[in-house]
Amino acid sequence: MFIEHRTYAIQPGKLQEYLNVYGEFGWEAHSNHTPCKGHYYTEAGAMNRVISLWQYDSLADRAERGKQLRADPRWQDAFAKIAPLVMDIQSNLLLPSPFWSPASSSDK
């Protein structure tokens, strides 16, 4: 299992538009294909950023889910609307540390 940590740099002044469009047209399709473990936007620091965390079982799982997502007409429609608002995407694949597991974490 790993988490894909994606950071989207949104055009200045377009963050709220991105959130509205993605929320209305993209969120359901995207989250139906891959479990989302978190979806955030920045309020301080590096501005105009959207951060999402997606869980995968393996690289093969990621590739297959991506293929299915790109074939989904709902995503194709959403992508056409949101892509012009995105300036850059960074993706990091995060592996769990050997001493930690989601079952061992707690909200204290």
Protein backbone atom coordinates (compact mmCIF):
# COMPACT_ATOMS: atom_id res chain seq x y z
CA MET A 1 0.00 0.00 0.00
CA PHE A 2 1.14 3.54 -0.69
CA ILE A 3 -0.27 7.05 -0.88
CA GLU A 4 0.12 9.29 -3.90
CA HIS A 5 0.53 12.85 -2.62
CA ARG A 6 -0.35 15.22 -5.46
CA THR A 7 0.12 18.99 -5.35
CA TYR A 8 -1.60 21.05 -8.02
CA ALA A 9 -0.46 24.63 -8.62
CA ILE A 10 -3.54 26.60 -9.68
CA GLN A 11 -3.43 29.81 -11.71
CA PRO A 12 -3.40 32.88 -9.43
CA GLY A 13 -6.93 34.07 -8.73
CA LYS A 14 -8.46 30.79 -9.97
CA LEU A 15 -8.36 28.63 -6.81
CA GLN A 16 -12.04 29.06 -5.93
CA GLU A 17 -13.03 28.42 -9.55
CA TYR A 18 -10.93 25.23 -9.55
CA LEU A 19 -12.52 24.03 -6.30
CA ASN A 20 -16.01 24.77 -7.60
CA VAL A 21 -15.49 23.08 -10.96
CA TYR A 22 -13.64 20.07 -9.54
CA GLY A 23 -16.21 19.70 -6.77
CA GLU A 24 -19.13 19.82 -9.18
CA PHE A 25 -17.73 17.85 -12.12
CA GLY A 26 -14.60 15.94 -11.08
CA TRP A 27 -14.80 14.84 -7.46
CA GLU A 28 -17.40 12.09 -7.81
CA ALA A 29 -15.74 10.48 -10.83
CA HIS A 30 -12.23 10.73 -9.37
CA SER A 31 -13.11 9.45 -5.90
CA ASN A 32 -15.20 6.61 -7.35
CA HIS A 33 -12.08 5.21 -9.02
CA THR A 34 -9.55 5.71 -6.20
CA PRO A 35 -9.91 6.02 -2.41
CA CYS A 36 -9.14 9.59 -1.37
CA LYS A 37 -7.43 9.89 2.01
CA GLY A 38 -7.43 13.69 2.06
CA HIS A 39 -8.15 16.70 -0.11
CA TYR A 40 -6.94 20.15 0.92
CA TYR A 41 -6.08 23.62 -0.33
CA THR A 42 -3.54 26.08 1.01
CA GLU A 43 -4.47 29.14 3.01
CA ALA A 44 -0.90 30.18 3.94
CA GLY A 45 2.59 29.41 2.67
CA ALA A 46 2.72 28.36 -0.98
CA MET A 47 -0.54 29.80 -2.25
CA ASN A 48 -2.93 28.56 -4.93
CA ARG A 49 -2.18 24.92 -4.16
CA VAL A 50 -4.51 21.93 -3.96
CA ILE A 51 -3.20 18.80 -2.26
CA SER A 52 -4.80 15.39 -2.63
CA LEU A 53 -3.89 12.02 -1.11
CA TRP A 54 -4.88 8.86 -3.03
CA GLN A 55 -4.42 5.31 -1.78
CA TYR A 56 -3.21 2.44 -3.98
CA ASP A 57 -2.32 -1.18 -3.31
CA SER A 58 0.55 -1.25 -5.84
CA LEU A 59 1.95 0.49 -8.90
CA ALA A 60 -0.12 -1.91 -11.03
CA ASP A 61 -3.23 -0.90 -9.07
CA ARG A 62 -2.40 2.78 -9.67
CA ALA A 63 -1.93 2.20 -13.39
CA GLU A 64 -5.20 0.27 -13.72
CA ARG A 65 -7.23 2.81 -11.70
CA GLY A 66 -5.74 5.64 -13.77
CA LYS A 67 -6.66 3.85 -16.99
CA GLN A 68 -10.24 3.37 -15.78
CA LEU A 69 -10.47 7.00 -14.65
CA ARG A 70 -9.25 8.35 -17.99
CA ALA A 71 -11.83 6.18 -19.80
CA ASP A 72 -14.70 7.52 -17.66
CA PRO A 73 -16.75 10.06 -19.68
CA ARG A 74 -17.55 11.99 -16.47
CA TRP A 75 -13.80 12.44 -15.86
CA GLN A 76 -13.13 13.37 -19.48
CA ASP A 77 -15.73 16.14 -19.20
CA ALA A 78 -14.36 17.33 -15.84
CA PHE A 79 -10.74 17.20 -17.03
CA ALA A 80 -11.55 19.45 -19.98
CA LYS A 81 -12.90 22.04 -17.52
CA ILE A 82 -10.22 21.87 -14.83
CA ALA A 83 -7.02 21.31 -16.85
CA PRO A 84 -6.84 24.94 -18.09
CA LEU A 85 -6.82 26.11 -14.44
CA VAL A 86 -3.78 23.99 -13.47
CA MET A 87 -0.26 25.31 -14.03
CA ASP A 88 1.76 22.40 -12.59
CA ILE A 89 1.33 19.03 -10.88
CA GLN A 90 3.82 17.36 -8.56
CA SER A 91 3.34 13.76 -7.52
CA ASN A 92 5.08 11.94 -4.67
CA LEU A 93 4.56 8.27 -3.88
CA LEU A 94 4.64 7.84 -0.10
CA LEU A 95 5.45 4.47 1.44
CA PRO A 96 4.51 3.72 5.05
CA SER A 97 7.38 3.68 7.51
CA PRO A 98 8.10 0.15 8.77
CA PHE A 99 7.03 1.00 12.34
CA TRP A 100 3.71 2.66 11.43
CA SER A 101 0.43 1.34 10.13
CA PRO A 102 -2.92 3.10 9.66
CA ALA A 103 -4.43 0.77 12.27
CA SER A 104 -1.88 1.94 14.86
CA SER A 105 -2.54 5.66 14.39
CA SER A 106 -4.90 7.51 16.67
CA ASP A 107 -6.37 10.99 16.90
CA LYS A 108 -5.14 12.38 20.21
